[in-house]
Amino acid sequence: MAHITFPAVLARHVDCPPVDVKGATVRAALDAAFTLNPRLRGYLLDDDGSLRLHMAVWVDGKFLRDRKKLSDAIAPDARIDVFQAISGG
């Protein structure tokens, strides 16, 4: 199963512990995570289903290529790390 981690800063808005899910693509894995936690979808994806601009996804240490369709293939035991850009001063 793919292991997905979410940024700690996101936990201020929605419960998002790491999850283990099945999926052949980033989209399928995230959709499985959204099935477990529907509120998470709105924090990660735009209305058109694209990754929000302030979010970043790494798969097994490599930056996600397809931010729109999330079609990057993943291994059954992939590690997917979701990051959120934060700013301030």
PDB file of N, CA and C in Angstrom:
ATOM      1  N   MET A   1       0.834  -1.186   0.000  1.00  0.00           N
ATOM      2  CA  MET A   1       0.000   0.000   0.000  1.00  0.00           C
ATOM      3  C   MET A   1       0.874   1.243   0.000  1.00  0.00           C
ATOM      4  N   ALA A   2       0.401   2.271  -0.676  1.00  0.00           N
ATOM      5  CA  ALA A   2       1.100   3.550  -0.679  1.00  0.00           C
ATOM      6  C   ALA A   2       0.881   4.236   0.672  1.00  0.00           C
ATOM      7  N   HIS A   3       1.906   4.890   1.148  1.00  0.00           N
ATOM      8  CA  HIS A   3       1.852   5.598   2.427  1.00  0.00           C
ATOM      9  C   HIS A   3       1.840   7.095   2.133  1.00  0.00           C
ATOM     10  N   ILE A   4       0.787   7.790   2.575  1.00  0.00           N
ATOM     11  CA  ILE A   4       0.657   9.231   2.334  1.00  0.00           C
ATOM     12  C   ILE A   4       0.786   9.981   3.646  1.00  0.00           C
ATOM     13  N   THR A   5       1.669  10.974   3.657  1.00  0.00           N
ATOM     14  CA  THR A   5       1.787  11.857   4.818  1.00  0.00           C
ATOM     15  C   THR A   5       1.330  13.257   4.419  1.00  0.00           C
ATOM     16  N   PHE A   6       0.804  13.976   5.379  1.00  0.00           N
ATOM     17  CA  PHE A   6       0.279  15.317   5.160  1.00  0.00           C
ATOM     18  C   PHE A   6       1.012  16.296   6.077  1.00  0.00           C
ATOM     19  N   PRO A   7       1.059  17.572   5.702  1.00  0.00           N
ATOM     20  CA  PRO A   7       1.801  18.545   6.515  1.00  0.00           C
ATOM     21  C   PRO A   7       1.137  18.793   7.869  1.00  0.00           C
ATOM     22  N   ALA A   8       1.963  18.932   8.869  1.00  0.00           N
ATOM     23  CA  ALA A   8       1.445  19.179  10.223  1.00  0.00           C
ATOM     24  C   ALA A   8       0.632  20.468  10.285  1.00  0.00           C
ATOM     25  N   VAL A   9       1.026  21.473   9.512  1.00  0.00           N
ATOM     26  CA  VAL A   9       0.302  22.743   9.534  1.00  0.00           C
ATOM     27  C   VAL A   9      -1.146  22.562   9.074  1.00  0.00           C
ATOM     28  N   LEU A  10      -1.400  21.597   8.225  1.00  0.00           N
ATOM     29  CA  LEU A  10      -2.754  21.328   7.748  1.00  0.00           C
ATOM     30  C   LEU A  10      -3.651  20.790   8.868  1.00  0.00           C
ATOM     31  N   ALA A  11      -3.050  20.150   9.851  1.00  0.00           N
ATOM     32  CA  ALA A  11      -3.816  19.569  10.958  1.00  0.00           C
ATOM     33  C   ALA A  11      -4.543  20.638  11.779  1.00  0.00           C
ATOM     34  N   ARG A  12      -4.151  21.900  11.621  1.00  0.00           N
ATOM     35  CA  ARG A  12      -4.883  22.972  12.315  1.00  0.00           C
ATOM     36  C   ARG A  12      -6.288  23.127  11.751  1.00  0.00           C
ATOM     37  N   HIS A  13      -6.486  22.670  10.515  1.00  0.00           N
ATOM     38  CA  HIS A  13      -7.764  22.852   9.830  1.00  0.00           C
ATOM     39  C   HIS A  13      -8.562  21.564   9.662  1.00  0.00           C
ATOM     40  N   VAL A  14      -7.863  20.459   9.503  1.00  0.00           N
ATOM     41  CA  VAL A  14      -8.535  19.179   9.265  1.00  0.00           C
ATOM     42  C   VAL A  14      -7.645  18.053   9.791  1.00  0.00           C
ATOM     43  N   ASP A  15      -8.270  17.075  10.431  1.00  0.00           N
ATOM     44  CA  ASP A  15      -7.532  15.926  10.930  1.00  0.00           C
ATOM     45  C   ASP A  15      -6.918  15.188   9.738  1.00  0.00           C
ATOM     46  N   CYS A  16      -5.599  14.996   9.750  1.00  0.00           N
ATOM     47  CA  CYS A  16      -4.954  14.381   8.589  1.00  0.00           C
ATOM     48  C   CYS A  16      -3.763  13.509   8.986  1.00  0.00           C
ATOM     49  N   PRO A  17      -4.022  12.440   9.724  1.00  0.00           N
ATOM     50  CA  PRO A  17      -2.928  11.528  10.043  1.00  0.00           C
ATOM     51  C   PRO A  17      -2.463  10.814   8.770  1.00  0.00           C
ATOM     52  N   PRO A  18      -1.252  10.262   8.779  1.00  0.00           N
ATOM     53  CA  PRO A  18      -0.799   9.487   7.625  1.00  0.00           C
ATOM     54  C   PRO A  18      -1.766   8.332   7.347  1.00  0.00           C
ATOM     55  N   VAL A  19      -1.878   7.964   6.074  1.00  0.00           N
ATOM     56  CA  VAL A  19      -2.758   6.864   5.689  1.00  0.00           C
ATOM     57  C   VAL A  19      -2.033   5.928   4.732  1.00  0.00           C
ATOM     58  N   ASP A  20      -2.451   4.680   4.726  1.00  0.00           N
ATOM     59  CA  ASP A  20      -1.976   3.681   3.777  1.00  0.00           C
ATOM     60  C   ASP A  20      -3.150   3.329   2.873  1.00  0.00           C
ATOM     61  N   VAL A  21      -2.945   3.492   1.564  1.00  0.00           N
ATOM     62  CA  VAL A  21      -4.022   3.303   0.601  1.00  0.00           C
ATOM     63  C   VAL A  21      -3.507   2.581  -0.640  1.00  0.00           C
ATOM     64  N   LYS A  22      -4.435   2.051  -1.408  1.00  0.00           N
ATOM     65  CA  LYS A  22      -4.097   1.433  -2.687  1.00  0.00           C
ATOM     66  C   LYS A  22      -4.343   2.438  -3.800  1.00  0.00           C
ATOM     67  N   GLY A  23      -3.584   2.298  -4.884  1.00  0.00           N
ATOM     68  CA  GLY A  23      -3.772   3.146  -6.052  1.00  0.00           C
ATOM     69  C   GLY A  23      -2.589   3.026  -6.993  1.00  0.00           C
ATOM     70  N   ALA A  24      -2.847   3.095  -8.285  1.00  0.00           N
ATOM     71  CA  ALA A  24      -1.789   2.985  -9.286  1.00  0.00           C
ATOM     72  C   ALA A  24      -1.236   4.347  -9.690  1.00  0.00           C
ATOM     73  N   THR A  25      -1.956   5.423  -9.340  1.00  0.00           N
ATOM     74  CA  THR A  25      -1.514   6.784  -9.642  1.00  0.00           C
ATOM     75  C   THR A  25      -1.670   7.642  -8.391  1.00  0.00           C
ATOM     76  N   VAL A  26      -1.073   8.817  -8.443  1.00  0.00           N
ATOM     77  CA  VAL A  26      -1.226   9.752  -7.325  1.00  0.00           C
ATOM     78  C   VAL A  26      -2.708  10.075  -7.143  1.00  0.00           C
ATOM     79  N   ARG A  27      -3.423  10.299  -8.246  1.00  0.00           N
ATOM     80  CA  ARG A  27      -4.863  10.602  -8.176  1.00  0.00           C
ATOM     81  C   ARG A  27      -5.620   9.485  -7.449  1.00  0.00           C
ATOM     82  N   ALA A  28      -5.377   8.244  -7.837  1.00  0.00           N
ATOM     83  CA  ALA A  28      -6.091   7.117  -7.224  1.00  0.00           C
ATOM     84  C   ALA A  28      -5.768   7.009  -5.734  1.00  0.00           C
ATOM     85  N   ALA A  29      -4.508   7.215  -5.384  1.00  0.00           N
ATOM     86  CA  ALA A  29      -4.125   7.143  -3.973  1.00  0.00           C
ATOM     87  C   ALA A  29      -4.770   8.272  -3.174  1.00  0.00           C
ATOM     88  N   LEU A  30      -4.726   9.488  -3.716  1.00  0.00           N
ATOM     89  CA  LEU A  30      -5.355  10.606  -3.005  1.00  0.00           C
ATOM     90  C   LEU A  30      -6.868  10.428  -2.922  1.00  0.00           C
ATOM     91  N   ASP A  31      -7.490   9.933  -3.983  1.00  0.00           N
ATOM     92  CA  ASP A  31      -8.935   9.686  -3.931  1.00  0.00           C
ATOM     93  C   ASP A  31      -9.272   8.682  -2.834  1.00  0.00           C
ATOM     94  N   ALA A  32      -8.431   7.675  -2.663  1.00  0.00           N
ATOM     95  CA  ALA A  32      -8.651   6.700  -1.588  1.00  0.00           C
ATOM     96  C   ALA A  32      -8.517   7.388  -0.225  1.00  0.00           C
ATOM     97  N   ALA A  33      -7.560   8.301  -0.104  1.00  0.00           N
ATOM     98  CA  ALA A  33      -7.404   9.056   1.153  1.00  0.00           C
ATOM     99  C   ALA A  33      -8.616   9.953   1.390  1.00  0.00           C
ATOM    100  N   PHE A  34      -9.145  10.544   0.313  1.00  0.00           N
ATOM    101  CA  PHE A  34     -10.319  11.411   0.445  1.00  0.00           C
ATOM    102  C   PHE A  34     -11.559  10.611   0.829  1.00  0.00           C
ATOM    103  N   THR A  35     -11.626   9.357   0.434  1.00  0.00           N
ATOM    104  CA  THR A  35     -12.732   8.494   0.845  1.00  0.00           C
ATOM    105  C   THR A  35     -12.704   8.316   2.365  1.00  0.00           C
ATOM    106  N   LEU A  36     -11.506   8.199   2.907  1.00  0.00           N
ATOM    107  CA  LEU A  36     -11.353   8.063   4.361  1.00  0.00           C
ATOM    108  C   LEU A  36     -11.580   9.392   5.084  1.00  0.00           C
ATOM    109  N   ASN A  37     -11.262  10.488   4.408  1.00  0.00           N
ATOM    110  CA  ASN A  37     -11.324  11.813   5.023  1.00  0.00           C
ATOM    111  C   ASN A  37     -11.780  12.835   3.976  1.00  0.00           C
ATOM    112  N   PRO A  38     -13.075  12.917   3.689  1.00  0.00           N
ATOM    113  CA  PRO A  38     -13.589  13.784   2.616  1.00  0.00           C
ATOM    114  C   PRO A  38     -13.216  15.266   2.750  1.00  0.00           C
ATOM    115  N   ARG A  39     -13.104  15.783   3.960  1.00  0.00           N
ATOM    116  CA  ARG A  39     -12.778  17.205   4.153  1.00  0.00           C
ATOM    117  C   ARG A  39     -11.393  17.556   3.632  1.00  0.00           C
ATOM    118  N   LEU A  40     -10.530  16.588   3.558  1.00  0.00           N
ATOM    119  CA  LEU A  40      -9.162  16.806   3.111  1.00  0.00           C
ATOM    120  C   LEU A  40      -9.088  17.264   1.650  1.00  0.00           C
ATOM    121  N   ARG A  41     -10.024  16.801   0.821  1.00  0.00           N
ATOM    122  CA  ARG A  41     -10.015  17.122  -0.616  1.00  0.00           C
ATOM    123  C   ARG A  41      -9.957  18.635  -0.864  1.00  0.00           C
ATOM    124  N   GLY A  42     -10.791  19.391  -0.202  1.00  0.00           N
ATOM    125  CA  GLY A  42     -10.860  20.828  -0.429  1.00  0.00           C
ATOM    126  C   GLY A  42      -9.598  21.575  -0.037  1.00  0.00           C
ATOM    127  N   TYR A  43      -8.814  21.013   0.851  1.00  0.00           N
ATOM    128  CA  TYR A  43      -7.568  21.655   1.248  1.00  0.00           C
ATOM    129  C   TYR A  43      -6.435  21.356   0.271  1.00  0.00           C
ATOM    130  N   LEU A  44      -6.516  20.240  -0.440  1.00  0.00           N
ATOM    131  CA  LEU A  44      -5.456  19.860  -1.366  1.00  0.00           C
ATOM    132  C   LEU A  44      -5.748  20.198  -2.820  1.00  0.00           C
ATOM    133  N   LEU A  45      -7.033  20.116  -3.215  1.00  0.00           N
ATOM    134  CA  LEU A  45      -7.379  20.277  -4.622  1.00  0.00           C
ATOM    135  C   LEU A  45      -8.265  21.485  -4.874  1.00  0.00           C
ATOM    136  N   ASP A  46      -8.103  22.091  -6.060  1.00  0.00           N
ATOM    137  CA  ASP A  46      -8.982  23.160  -6.526  1.00  0.00           C
ATOM    138  C   ASP A  46     -10.312  22.563  -6.956  1.00  0.00           C
ATOM    139  N   ASP A  47     -11.246  23.421  -7.329  1.00  0.00           N
ATOM    140  CA  ASP A  47     -12.555  22.963  -7.794  1.00  0.00           C
ATOM    141  C   ASP A  47     -12.466  22.089  -9.036  1.00  0.00           C
ATOM    142  N   ASP A  48     -11.435  22.302  -9.868  1.00  0.00           N
ATOM    143  CA  ASP A  48     -11.281  21.484 -11.076  1.00  0.00           C
ATOM    144  C   ASP A  48     -10.494  20.203 -10.827  1.00  0.00           C
ATOM    145  N   GLY A  49     -10.118  19.944  -9.578  1.00  0.00           N
ATOM    146  CA  GLY A  49      -9.423  18.713  -9.223  1.00  0.00           C
ATOM    147  C   GLY A  49      -7.908  18.792  -9.324  1.00  0.00           C
ATOM    148  N   SER A  50      -7.383  19.974  -9.674  1.00  0.00           N
ATOM    149  CA  SER A  50      -5.932  20.168  -9.742  1.00  0.00           C
ATOM    150  C   SER A  50      -5.377  20.423  -8.344  1.00  0.00           C
ATOM    151  N   LEU A  51      -4.109  20.104  -8.172  1.00  0.00           N
ATOM    152  CA  LEU A  51      -3.439  20.394  -6.912  1.00  0.00           C
ATOM    153  C   LEU A  51      -3.389  21.904  -6.708  1.00  0.00           C
ATOM    154  N   ARG A  52      -3.773  22.356  -5.526  1.00  0.00           N
ATOM    155  CA  ARG A  52      -3.742  23.795  -5.234  1.00  0.00           C
ATOM    156  C   ARG A  52      -2.314  24.323  -5.379  1.00  0.00           C
ATOM    157  N   LEU A  53      -2.198  25.591  -5.759  1.00  0.00           N
ATOM    158  CA  LEU A  53      -0.892  26.194  -6.026  1.00  0.00           C
ATOM    159  C   LEU A  53       0.043  26.160  -4.822  1.00  0.00           C
ATOM    160  N   HIS A  54      -0.503  26.255  -3.627  1.00  0.00           N
ATOM    161  CA  HIS A  54       0.339  26.287  -2.432  1.00  0.00           C
ATOM    162  C   HIS A  54       0.651  24.900  -1.879  1.00  0.00           C
ATOM    163  N   MET A  55       0.257  23.861  -2.616  1.00  0.00           N
ATOM    164  CA  MET A  55       0.537  22.489  -2.196  1.00  0.00           C
ATOM    165  C   MET A  55       1.611  21.890  -3.096  1.00  0.00           C
ATOM    166  N   ALA A  56       2.401  20.989  -2.557  1.00  0.00           N
ATOM    167  CA  ALA A  56       3.414  20.266  -3.327  1.00  0.00           C
ATOM    168  C   ALA A  56       3.336  18.791  -2.940  1.00  0.00           C
ATOM    169  N   VAL A  57       3.600  17.929  -3.905  1.00  0.00           N
ATOM    170  CA  VAL A  57       3.571  16.488  -3.657  1.00  0.00           C
ATOM    171  C   VAL A  57       4.872  15.879  -4.167  1.00  0.00           C
ATOM    172  N   TRP A  58       5.451  15.031  -3.347  1.00  0.00           N
ATOM    173  CA  TRP A  58       6.652  14.279  -3.706  1.00  0.00           C
ATOM    174  C   TRP A  58       6.303  12.800  -3.643  1.00  0.00           C
ATOM    175  N   VAL A  59       6.744  12.059  -4.637  1.00  0.00           N
ATOM    176  CA  VAL A  59       6.521  10.609  -4.679  1.00  0.00           C
ATOM    177  C   VAL A  59       7.878   9.920  -4.654  1.00  0.00           C
ATOM    178  N   ASP A  60       8.122   9.179  -3.607  1.00  0.00           N
ATOM    179  CA  ASP A  60       9.414   8.497  -3.449  1.00  0.00           C
ATOM    180  C   ASP A  60      10.583   9.455  -3.681  1.00  0.00           C
ATOM    181  N   GLY A  61      10.465  10.664  -3.138  1.00  0.00           N
ATOM    182  CA  GLY A  61      11.539  11.639  -3.206  1.00  0.00           C
ATOM    183  C   GLY A  61      11.625  12.424  -4.501  1.00  0.00           C
ATOM    184  N   LYS A  62      10.662  12.244  -5.409  1.00  0.00           N
ATOM    185  CA  LYS A  62      10.667  12.976  -6.677  1.00  0.00           C
ATOM    186  C   LYS A  62       9.426  13.854  -6.754  1.00  0.00           C
ATOM    187  N   PHE A  63       9.626  15.068  -7.267  1.00  0.00           N
ATOM    188  CA  PHE A  63       8.547  16.042  -7.368  1.00  0.00           C
ATOM    189  C   PHE A  63       7.473  15.560  -8.341  1.00  0.00           C
ATOM    190  N   LEU A  64       6.220  15.731  -7.982  1.00  0.00           N
ATOM    191  CA  LEU A  64       5.086  15.371  -8.826  1.00  0.00           C
ATOM    192  C   LEU A  64       5.152  16.140 -10.137  1.00  0.00           C
ATOM    193  N   ARG A  65       5.013  15.440 -11.269  1.00  0.00           N
ATOM    194  CA  ARG A  65       5.076  16.096 -12.584  1.00  0.00           C
ATOM    195  C   ARG A  65       3.719  16.638 -13.015  1.00  0.00           C
ATOM    196  N   ASP A  66       2.667  15.869 -12.820  1.00  0.00           N
ATOM    197  CA  ASP A  66       1.346  16.244 -13.322  1.00  0.00           C
ATOM    198  C   ASP A  66       0.486  16.812 -12.196  1.00  0.00           C
ATOM    199  N   ARG A  67       0.517  18.132 -12.026  1.00  0.00           N
ATOM    200  CA  ARG A  67      -0.247  18.788 -10.962  1.00  0.00           C
ATOM    201  C   ARG A  67      -1.726  18.909 -11.305  1.00  0.00           C
ATOM    202  N   LYS A  68      -2.072  18.788 -12.588  1.00  0.00           N
ATOM    203  CA  LYS A  68      -3.466  18.958 -13.008  1.00  0.00           C
ATOM    204  C   LYS A  68      -4.266  17.663 -12.863  1.00  0.00           C
ATOM    205  N   LYS A  69      -3.805  16.593 -13.487  1.00  0.00           N
ATOM    206  CA  LYS A  69      -4.537  15.320 -13.460  1.00  0.00           C
ATOM    207  C   LYS A  69      -4.020  14.353 -12.396  1.00  0.00           C
ATOM    208  N   LEU A  70      -2.845  14.659 -11.837  1.00  0.00           N
ATOM    209  CA  LEU A  70      -2.230  13.806 -10.811  1.00  0.00           C
ATOM    210  C   LEU A  70      -2.051  12.378 -11.327  1.00  0.00           C
ATOM    211  N   SER A  71      -1.641  12.268 -12.598  1.00  0.00           N
ATOM    212  CA  SER A  71      -1.579  10.971 -13.259  1.00  0.00           C
ATOM    213  C   SER A  71      -0.249  10.246 -13.098  1.00  0.00           C
ATOM    214  N   ASP A  72       0.674  10.800 -12.338  1.00  0.00           N
ATOM    215  CA  ASP A  72       1.963  10.131 -12.148  1.00  0.00           C
ATOM    216  C   ASP A  72       1.730   8.735 -11.574  1.00  0.00           C
ATOM    217  N   ALA A  73       2.344   7.740 -12.193  1.00  0.00           N
ATOM    218  CA  ALA A  73       2.223   6.358 -11.718  1.00  0.00           C
ATOM    219  C   ALA A  73       3.001   6.197 -10.411  1.00  0.00           C
ATOM    220  N   ILE A  74       2.501   5.319  -9.555  1.00  0.00           N
ATOM    221  CA  ILE A  74       3.191   5.047  -8.292  1.00  0.00           C
ATOM    222  C   ILE A  74       3.324   3.536  -8.107  1.00  0.00           C
ATOM    223  N   ALA A  75       4.343   3.149  -7.375  1.00  0.00           N
ATOM    224  CA  ALA A  75       4.548   1.752  -7.014  1.00  0.00           C
ATOM    225  C   ALA A  75       3.558   1.392  -5.906  1.00  0.00           C
ATOM    226  N   PRO A  76       3.245   0.110  -5.762  1.00  0.00           N
ATOM    227  CA  PRO A  76       2.304  -0.292  -4.705  1.00  0.00           C
ATOM    228  C   PRO A  76       2.748   0.131  -3.304  1.00  0.00           C
ATOM    229  N   ASP A  77       4.060   0.246  -3.090  1.00  0.00           N
ATOM    230  CA  ASP A  77       4.568   0.623  -1.768  1.00  0.00           C
ATOM    231  C   ASP A  77       5.137   2.047  -1.760  1.00  0.00           C
ATOM    232  N   ALA A  78       4.615   2.906  -2.619  1.00  0.00           N
ATOM    233  CA  ALA A  78       5.121   4.282  -2.749  1.00  0.00           C
ATOM    234  C   ALA A  78       4.953   5.079  -1.462  1.00  0.00           C
ATOM    235  N   ARG A  79       5.827   6.051  -1.321  1.00  0.00           N
ATOM    236  CA  ARG A  79       5.707   7.024  -0.233  1.00  0.00           C
ATOM    237  C   ARG A  79       5.334   8.353  -0.878  1.00  0.00           C
ATOM    238  N   ILE A  80       4.181   8.887  -0.503  1.00  0.00           N
ATOM    239  CA  ILE A  80       3.689  10.151  -1.052  1.00  0.00           C
ATOM    240  C   ILE A  80       3.686  11.162   0.088  1.00  0.00           C
ATOM    241  N   ASP A  81       4.465  12.226  -0.099  1.00  0.00           N
ATOM    242  CA  ASP A  81       4.545  13.270   0.911  1.00  0.00           C
ATOM    243  C   ASP A  81       3.889  14.543   0.375  1.00  0.00           C
ATOM    244  N   VAL A  82       2.916  15.031   1.086  1.00  0.00           N
ATOM    245  CA  VAL A  82       2.219  16.255   0.721  1.00  0.00           C
ATOM    246  C   VAL A  82       2.770  17.382   1.589  1.00  0.00           C
ATOM    247  N   PHE A  83       3.127  18.489   0.945  1.00  0.00           N
ATOM    248  CA  PHE A  83       3.665  19.650   1.646  1.00  0.00           C
ATOM    249  C   PHE A  83       2.810  20.863   1.343  1.00  0.00           C
ATOM    250  N   GLN A  84       2.796  21.804   2.270  1.00  0.00           N
ATOM    251  CA  GLN A  84       2.058  23.048   2.079  1.00  0.00           C
ATOM    252  C   GLN A  84       3.038  24.207   2.251  1.00  0.00           C
ATOM    253  N   ALA A  85       3.041  25.108   1.274  1.00  0.00           N
ATOM    254  CA  ALA A  85       3.884  26.292   1.390  1.00  0.00           C
ATOM    255  C   ALA A  85       3.258  27.234   2.426  1.00  0.00           C
ATOM    256  N   ILE A  86       4.095  27.769   3.264  1.00  0.00           N
ATOM    257  CA  ILE A  86       3.612  28.738   4.246  1.00  0.00           C
ATOM    258  C   ILE A  86       4.508  29.971   4.160  1.00  0.00           C
ATOM    259  N   SER A  87       3.962  31.089   4.500  1.00  0.00           N
ATOM    260  CA  SER A  87       4.743  32.327   4.462  1.00  0.00           C
ATOM    261  C   SER A  87       4.447  33.130   5.708  1.00  0.00           C
ATOM    262  N   GLY A  88       5.199  34.095   5.893  1.00  0.00           N
ATOM    263  CA  GLY A  88       5.005  34.953   7.062  1.00  0.00           C
ATOM    264  C   GLY A  88       6.293  35.674   7.375  1.00  0.00           C
ATOM    265  N   GLY A  89       6.266  36.387   8.421  1.00  0.00           N
ATOM    266  CA  GLY A  89       7.502  37.103   8.716  1.00  0.00           C
ATOM    267  C   GLY A  89       7.443  37.691  10.085  1.00  0.00           C
TER     268      GLY A  89
END
